[in-house]
Amino acid sequence: MINLTDSTVKAVKAAISAAPQPASGLRVSVEAGGCAGFKYMMGLAAEHNPGDTVVERSGVKIFVDSESQEHLNGTTIDLVLTPDGSGFTFDNPNAKSRCSCGSSFG
């Protein structure tokens, strides 16, 4: 399943607390696209959908649809802070290739 670093947990909890709409967890999925074949999608969700896998990591619920599950199994999501800004990175052991910007994988 998906793992979250401490910085990611902290950021997601803060986002859930500040969300203008009710949110109970983090939806993580993959979609066709990007230069390497698949792109990561991530956002807050009010609840899980039927058929989702739901896990909890350090108090954060993660919702993953069945089609994305096989592509995301074992992935670690990290929040990286740099002088140029911040963003989430995905360390995905299932990725056979990655684009140079890191936003898609194959």
N, C-alpha and C. Protein backbone atom coordinates (compact mmCIF):
# COMPACT_ATOMS: atom_id res chain seq x y z
N MET A 1 0.83 -1.19 0.00
CA MET A 1 0.00 0.00 0.00
C MET A 1 0.87 1.24 0.00
N ILE A 2 0.26 2.37 0.11
CA ILE A 2 0.97 3.65 0.06
C ILE A 2 1.49 4.04 1.44
N ASN A 3 2.69 4.63 1.46
CA ASN A 3 3.28 5.14 2.68
C ASN A 3 3.41 6.65 2.57
N LEU A 4 3.30 7.33 3.70
CA LEU A 4 3.45 8.79 3.76
C LEU A 4 4.58 9.13 4.71
N THR A 5 5.43 10.07 4.31
CA THR A 5 6.47 10.55 5.21
C THR A 5 5.82 11.45 6.27
N ASP A 6 6.57 11.74 7.33
CA ASP A 6 6.05 12.60 8.39
C ASP A 6 5.65 13.97 7.86
N SER A 7 6.45 14.53 6.95
CA SER A 7 6.13 15.85 6.40
C SER A 7 4.85 15.81 5.57
N THR A 8 4.61 14.71 4.88
CA THR A 8 3.38 14.56 4.11
C THR A 8 2.18 14.44 5.04
N VAL A 9 2.31 13.65 6.09
CA VAL A 9 1.21 13.50 7.06
C VAL A 9 0.84 14.86 7.64
N LYS A 10 1.84 15.62 8.03
CA LYS A 10 1.60 16.94 8.62
C LYS A 10 0.89 17.85 7.63
N ALA A 11 1.33 17.86 6.38
CA ALA A 11 0.73 18.72 5.36
C ALA A 11 -0.71 18.31 5.05
N VAL A 12 -0.96 17.00 4.97
CA VAL A 12 -2.31 16.52 4.66
C VAL A 12 -3.26 16.83 5.82
N LYS A 13 -2.81 16.62 7.04
CA LYS A 13 -3.66 16.95 8.20
C LYS A 13 -4.00 18.44 8.22
N ALA A 14 -3.03 19.28 7.92
CA ALA A 14 -3.28 20.73 7.87
C ALA A 14 -4.26 21.07 6.76
N ALA A 15 -4.12 20.43 5.61
CA ALA A 15 -5.03 20.70 4.48
C ALA A 15 -6.45 20.25 4.81
N ILE A 16 -6.59 19.10 5.46
CA ILE A 16 -7.92 18.62 5.85
C ILE A 16 -8.57 19.59 6.83
N SER A 17 -7.79 20.08 7.79
CA SER A 17 -8.32 21.02 8.79
C SER A 17 -8.74 22.34 8.16
N ALA A 18 -8.02 22.78 7.13
CA ALA A 18 -8.29 24.07 6.49
C ALA A 18 -9.23 23.97 5.28
N ALA A 19 -9.62 22.77 4.90
CA ALA A 19 -10.44 22.59 3.69
C ALA A 19 -11.78 23.30 3.81
N PRO A 20 -12.19 24.03 2.75
CA PRO A 20 -13.48 24.71 2.77
C PRO A 20 -14.67 23.74 2.71
N GLN A 21 -14.45 22.57 2.17
CA GLN A 21 -15.46 21.51 2.10
C GLN A 21 -15.03 20.38 3.03
N PRO A 22 -15.98 19.65 3.60
CA PRO A 22 -15.60 18.54 4.48
C PRO A 22 -14.69 17.54 3.76
N ALA A 23 -13.63 17.14 4.43
CA ALA A 23 -12.69 16.15 3.88
C ALA A 23 -12.33 15.19 4.99
N SER A 24 -12.30 13.91 4.65
CA SER A 24 -11.94 12.92 5.66
C SER A 24 -10.67 12.17 5.32
N GLY A 25 -10.13 12.40 4.12
CA GLY A 25 -8.93 11.68 3.75
C GLY A 25 -8.31 12.17 2.46
N LEU A 26 -7.31 11.44 2.02
CA LEU A 26 -6.53 11.76 0.83
C LEU A 26 -6.80 10.72 -0.24
N ARG A 27 -7.26 11.16 -1.41
CA ARG A 27 -7.45 10.25 -2.54
C ARG A 27 -6.19 10.31 -3.40
N VAL A 28 -5.60 9.13 -3.65
CA VAL A 28 -4.42 9.02 -4.50
C VAL A 28 -4.75 8.05 -5.62
N SER A 29 -4.44 8.46 -6.86
CA SER A 29 -4.74 7.60 -8.01
C SER A 29 -3.75 7.87 -9.12
N VAL A 30 -3.85 7.07 -10.16
CA VAL A 30 -3.08 7.30 -11.38
C VAL A 30 -4.06 7.38 -12.54
N GLU A 31 -3.69 8.17 -13.54
CA GLU A 31 -4.47 8.29 -14.77
C GLU A 31 -3.53 8.17 -15.95
N ALA A 32 -4.07 7.75 -17.07
CA ALA A 32 -3.27 7.73 -18.29
C ALA A 32 -2.90 9.16 -18.64
N GLY A 33 -1.65 9.37 -19.00
CA GLY A 33 -1.22 10.70 -19.38
C GLY A 33 0.23 10.93 -19.03
N GLY A 34 0.69 12.13 -19.30
CA GLY A 34 2.08 12.46 -19.06
C GLY A 34 2.96 11.86 -20.13
N CYS A 35 4.20 12.25 -20.15
CA CYS A 35 5.10 11.79 -21.21
C CYS A 35 5.57 10.35 -21.01
N ALA A 36 5.37 9.77 -19.81
CA ALA A 36 5.84 8.41 -19.57
C ALA A 36 4.70 7.38 -19.51
N GLY A 37 3.45 7.82 -19.64
CA GLY A 37 2.33 6.86 -19.69
C GLY A 37 1.27 7.05 -18.63
N PHE A 38 1.67 7.29 -17.38
CA PHE A 38 0.72 7.50 -16.28
C PHE A 38 1.13 8.75 -15.51
N LYS A 39 0.13 9.42 -14.94
CA LYS A 39 0.43 10.55 -14.07
C LYS A 39 -0.27 10.36 -12.73
N TYR A 40 0.34 10.90 -11.71
CA TYR A 40 -0.20 10.81 -10.35
C TYR A 40 -1.28 11.86 -10.15
N MET A 41 -2.31 11.48 -9.41
CA MET A 41 -3.38 12.40 -9.03
C MET A 41 -3.52 12.30 -7.51
N MET A 42 -3.74 13.44 -6.87
CA MET A 42 -3.85 13.44 -5.43
C MET A 42 -4.71 14.62 -5.01
N GLY A 43 -5.63 14.39 -4.08
CA GLY A 43 -6.46 15.46 -3.57
C GLY A 43 -7.26 15.00 -2.37
N LEU A 44 -7.84 15.96 -1.67
CA LEU A 44 -8.67 15.63 -0.52
C LEU A 44 -10.00 15.06 -0.98
N ALA A 45 -10.57 14.20 -0.16
CA ALA A 45 -11.86 13.58 -0.49
C ALA A 45 -12.73 13.55 0.76
N ALA A 46 -14.03 13.74 0.55
CA ALA A 46 -14.98 13.71 1.66
C ALA A 46 -15.14 12.31 2.22
N GLU A 47 -15.11 11.32 1.34
CA GLU A 47 -15.26 9.93 1.77
C GLU A 47 -14.74 9.01 0.68
N HIS A 48 -14.63 7.73 1.01
CA HIS A 48 -14.17 6.77 0.02
C HIS A 48 -15.32 6.38 -0.91
N ASN A 49 -14.97 5.91 -2.07
CA ASN A 49 -15.94 5.42 -3.05
C ASN A 49 -16.08 3.91 -2.91
N PRO A 50 -17.22 3.36 -3.35
CA PRO A 50 -17.35 1.90 -3.33
C PRO A 50 -16.20 1.25 -4.12
N GLY A 51 -15.61 0.23 -3.57
CA GLY A 51 -14.51 -0.47 -4.23
C GLY A 51 -13.13 0.08 -3.90
N ASP A 52 -13.06 1.23 -3.23
CA ASP A 52 -11.77 1.79 -2.84
C ASP A 52 -11.11 0.93 -1.77
N THR A 53 -9.78 0.91 -1.80
CA THR A 53 -9.02 0.41 -0.67
C THR A 53 -8.82 1.60 0.26
N VAL A 54 -9.06 1.40 1.54
CA VAL A 54 -8.90 2.47 2.52
C VAL A 54 -7.90 2.00 3.56
N VAL A 55 -6.83 2.78 3.73
CA VAL A 55 -5.85 2.50 4.77
C VAL A 55 -5.62 3.77 5.56
N GLU A 56 -5.10 3.62 6.75
CA GLU A 56 -4.79 4.78 7.57
C GLU A 56 -3.31 4.76 7.91
N ARG A 57 -2.67 5.88 7.69
CA ARG A 57 -1.25 6.05 8.00
C ARG A 57 -1.09 7.26 8.91
N SER A 58 -0.68 7.04 10.14
CA SER A 58 -0.44 8.12 11.10
C SER A 58 -1.63 9.06 11.22
N GLY A 59 -2.83 8.50 11.22
CA GLY A 59 -4.04 9.30 11.37
C GLY A 59 -4.60 9.88 10.10
N VAL A 60 -3.99 9.59 8.95
CA VAL A 60 -4.50 10.08 7.66
C VAL A 60 -5.09 8.90 6.90
N LYS A 61 -6.36 9.03 6.51
CA LYS A 61 -6.99 8.00 5.69
C LYS A 61 -6.58 8.21 4.24
N ILE A 62 -6.23 7.12 3.56
CA ILE A 62 -5.84 7.17 2.15
C ILE A 62 -6.83 6.31 1.38
N PHE A 63 -7.41 6.88 0.32
CA PHE A 63 -8.38 6.19 -0.53
C PHE A 63 -7.74 5.92 -1.89
N VAL A 64 -7.74 4.65 -2.32
CA VAL A 64 -7.15 4.28 -3.61
C VAL A 64 -8.14 3.40 -4.35
N ASP A 65 -8.46 3.77 -5.60
CA ASP A 65 -9.37 2.95 -6.39
C ASP A 65 -8.66 1.67 -6.84
N SER A 66 -9.46 0.67 -7.19
CA SER A 66 -8.90 -0.65 -7.51
C SER A 66 -7.98 -0.63 -8.72
N GLU A 67 -8.25 0.22 -9.71
CA GLU A 67 -7.39 0.28 -10.90
C GLU A 67 -6.03 0.89 -10.59
N SER A 68 -5.99 1.84 -9.67
CA SER A 68 -4.73 2.50 -9.33
C SER A 68 -3.89 1.68 -8.35
N GLN A 69 -4.54 0.82 -7.60
CA GLN A 69 -3.87 0.07 -6.53
C GLN A 69 -2.61 -0.65 -7.01
N GLU A 70 -2.71 -1.37 -8.13
CA GLU A 70 -1.54 -2.13 -8.59
C GLU A 70 -0.38 -1.24 -8.99
N HIS A 71 -0.67 -0.02 -9.45
CA HIS A 71 0.40 0.90 -9.86
C HIS A 71 1.02 1.62 -8.67
N LEU A 72 0.29 1.71 -7.55
CA LEU A 72 0.74 2.49 -6.41
C LEU A 72 1.25 1.66 -5.23
N ASN A 73 1.09 0.35 -5.29
CA ASN A 73 1.48 -0.49 -4.17
C ASN A 73 2.96 -0.30 -3.83
N GLY A 74 3.24 0.05 -2.59
CA GLY A 74 4.62 0.25 -2.14
C GLY A 74 5.14 1.66 -2.34
N THR A 75 4.34 2.55 -2.89
CA THR A 75 4.77 3.92 -3.16
C THR A 75 4.86 4.73 -1.86
N THR A 76 5.89 5.56 -1.75
CA THR A 76 6.03 6.49 -0.64
C THR A 76 5.87 7.91 -1.19
N ILE A 77 4.99 8.67 -0.55
CA ILE A 77 4.75 10.07 -0.94
C ILE A 77 5.46 10.95 0.08
N ASP A 78 6.27 11.88 -0.43
CA ASP A 78 7.05 12.77 0.42
C ASP A 78 6.79 14.21 0.01
N LEU A 79 6.73 15.09 1.00
CA LEU A 79 6.65 16.53 0.74
C LEU A 79 8.06 17.08 0.76
N VAL A 80 8.47 17.67 -0.34
CA VAL A 80 9.82 18.19 -0.48
C VAL A 80 9.76 19.71 -0.51
N LEU A 81 10.56 20.35 0.34
CA LEU A 81 10.64 21.80 0.40
C LEU A 81 11.97 22.24 -0.18
N THR A 82 11.92 23.13 -1.17
CA THR A 82 13.14 23.65 -1.79
C THR A 82 13.05 25.17 -1.82
N PRO A 83 14.16 25.85 -2.12
CA PRO A 83 14.10 27.31 -2.25
C PRO A 83 13.12 27.77 -3.34
N ASP A 84 12.88 26.91 -4.32
CA ASP A 84 11.98 27.27 -5.42
C ASP A 84 10.52 26.98 -5.10
N GLY A 85 10.24 26.31 -4.00
CA GLY A 85 8.86 25.98 -3.64
C GLY A 85 8.78 24.60 -3.03
N SER A 86 7.56 24.12 -2.90
CA SER A 86 7.37 22.80 -2.32
C SER A 86 6.51 21.95 -3.24
N GLY A 87 6.59 20.65 -3.04
CA GLY A 87 5.79 19.74 -3.85
C GLY A 87 5.93 18.32 -3.34
N PHE A 88 5.04 17.48 -3.80
CA PHE A 88 5.05 16.08 -3.39
C PHE A 88 5.83 15.26 -4.41
N THR A 89 6.63 14.33 -3.90
CA THR A 89 7.33 13.39 -4.76
C THR A 89 6.80 11.99 -4.48
N PHE A 90 6.87 11.14 -5.49
CA PHE A 90 6.38 9.77 -5.40
C PHE A 90 7.55 8.83 -5.65
N ASP A 91 7.91 8.05 -4.64
CA ASP A 91 8.94 7.02 -4.80
C ASP A 91 8.19 5.72 -5.04
N ASN A 92 8.07 5.35 -6.32
CA ASN A 92 7.22 4.24 -6.73
C ASN A 92 8.07 3.07 -7.23
N PRO A 93 8.10 1.96 -6.49
CA PRO A 93 8.91 0.82 -6.91
C PRO A 93 8.35 0.12 -8.16
N ASN A 94 7.13 0.44 -8.55
CA ASN A 94 6.51 -0.17 -9.73
C ASN A 94 6.83 0.57 -11.02
N ALA A 95 7.40 1.76 -10.91
CA ALA A 95 7.69 2.58 -12.09
C ALA A 95 8.91 2.01 -12.82
N LYS A 96 8.71 1.64 -14.07
CA LYS A 96 9.82 1.13 -14.89
C LYS A 96 10.56 2.28 -15.56
N SER A 97 9.87 3.39 -15.75
CA SER A 97 10.48 4.59 -16.32
C SER A 97 9.79 5.80 -15.72
N ARG A 98 10.49 6.94 -15.80
CA ARG A 98 9.95 8.20 -15.29
C ARG A 98 10.30 9.30 -16.27
N CYS A 99 9.43 10.32 -16.32
CA CYS A 99 9.78 11.48 -17.13
C CYS A 99 10.79 12.32 -16.34
N SER A 100 11.46 13.22 -16.99
CA SER A 100 12.50 13.99 -16.33
C SER A 100 11.95 14.92 -15.25
N CYS A 101 10.69 15.36 -15.39
CA CYS A 101 10.13 16.26 -14.38
C CYS A 101 9.58 15.49 -13.18
N GLY A 102 9.43 14.17 -13.29
CA GLY A 102 8.98 13.35 -12.17
C GLY A 102 7.48 13.28 -11.98
N SER A 103 6.71 13.90 -12.87
CA SER A 103 5.26 13.91 -12.67
C SER A 103 4.54 12.74 -13.34
N SER A 104 5.25 11.98 -14.15
CA SER A 104 4.61 10.81 -14.76
C SER A 104 5.58 9.63 -14.76
N PHE A 105 5.02 8.44 -14.95
CA PHE A 105 5.83 7.23 -14.93
C PHE A 105 5.24 6.21 -15.88
N GLY A 106 6.03 5.20 -16.19
CA GLY A 106 5.56 4.13 -17.07
C GLY A 106 5.87 2.78 -16.50
